[in-house]
């Protein structure tokens, strides 16, 4: 008995495009979603059968394959291999914090991170960026008391290494204080910059924020 059907054997209302429109993408299988993306099959395979061949390989294995290896999958030609590569790259970008959104100014950073800070505890959050200033990782490195947080440069650099980051932006809040860097803030920023320079990262900025606004230590000349 055959459980799997070709596209021609599937009732029109249950075909991938029609089904997606009727019940939503969340109710489609991997094969059906990929069939919608491919749009059509090949001379030898209908689109459902082709999508099934790809999914059978496994997504982790698909991700590891280069273009030539993908084209060795039965029925998968150059155009659909390129579509698959584009799909995988988009899915990676979407899964990043903020969908891989780029930050180009202290204002961008402030709008991005304000919601992650408590109004009564000081914390240090870092954004890790690629060469295009896109956020590839966000991490709350430390949470402290009402007016103090303890952290070492190593705590900041470890996620940068793990995520192959290029640049780092530090942000910490002054929940009960003024928007003014303390002597300790400035000294710590310089220590982190020295550590970044030594290993090969760029400390792009250090922001001090509260609900009223922010200051940038780069704008203050601390990172010159």
Foldseek 3Di string as FASTA:
>chain_A
DDDDDAQVPDPPCPQLVNVCVVPNPVPDDQLSVLLVLVVFFDPVGTSSVLSVQVPVCPPVNLQPDDQVVQCPRPRDHNVSSVSVNVVVVQVLQCPAVVSQDADDDVVSVCVRCQVVDDLFKKWKKKFFAAPRRTTRHIDTLWIGGRADTDDALVSVCVVCVVRVGAEMEMEIENNPDDQDDDPVNLVRVVRNQVVCVVVHHHHPWYWYDYPVGIDTVVVVVSND
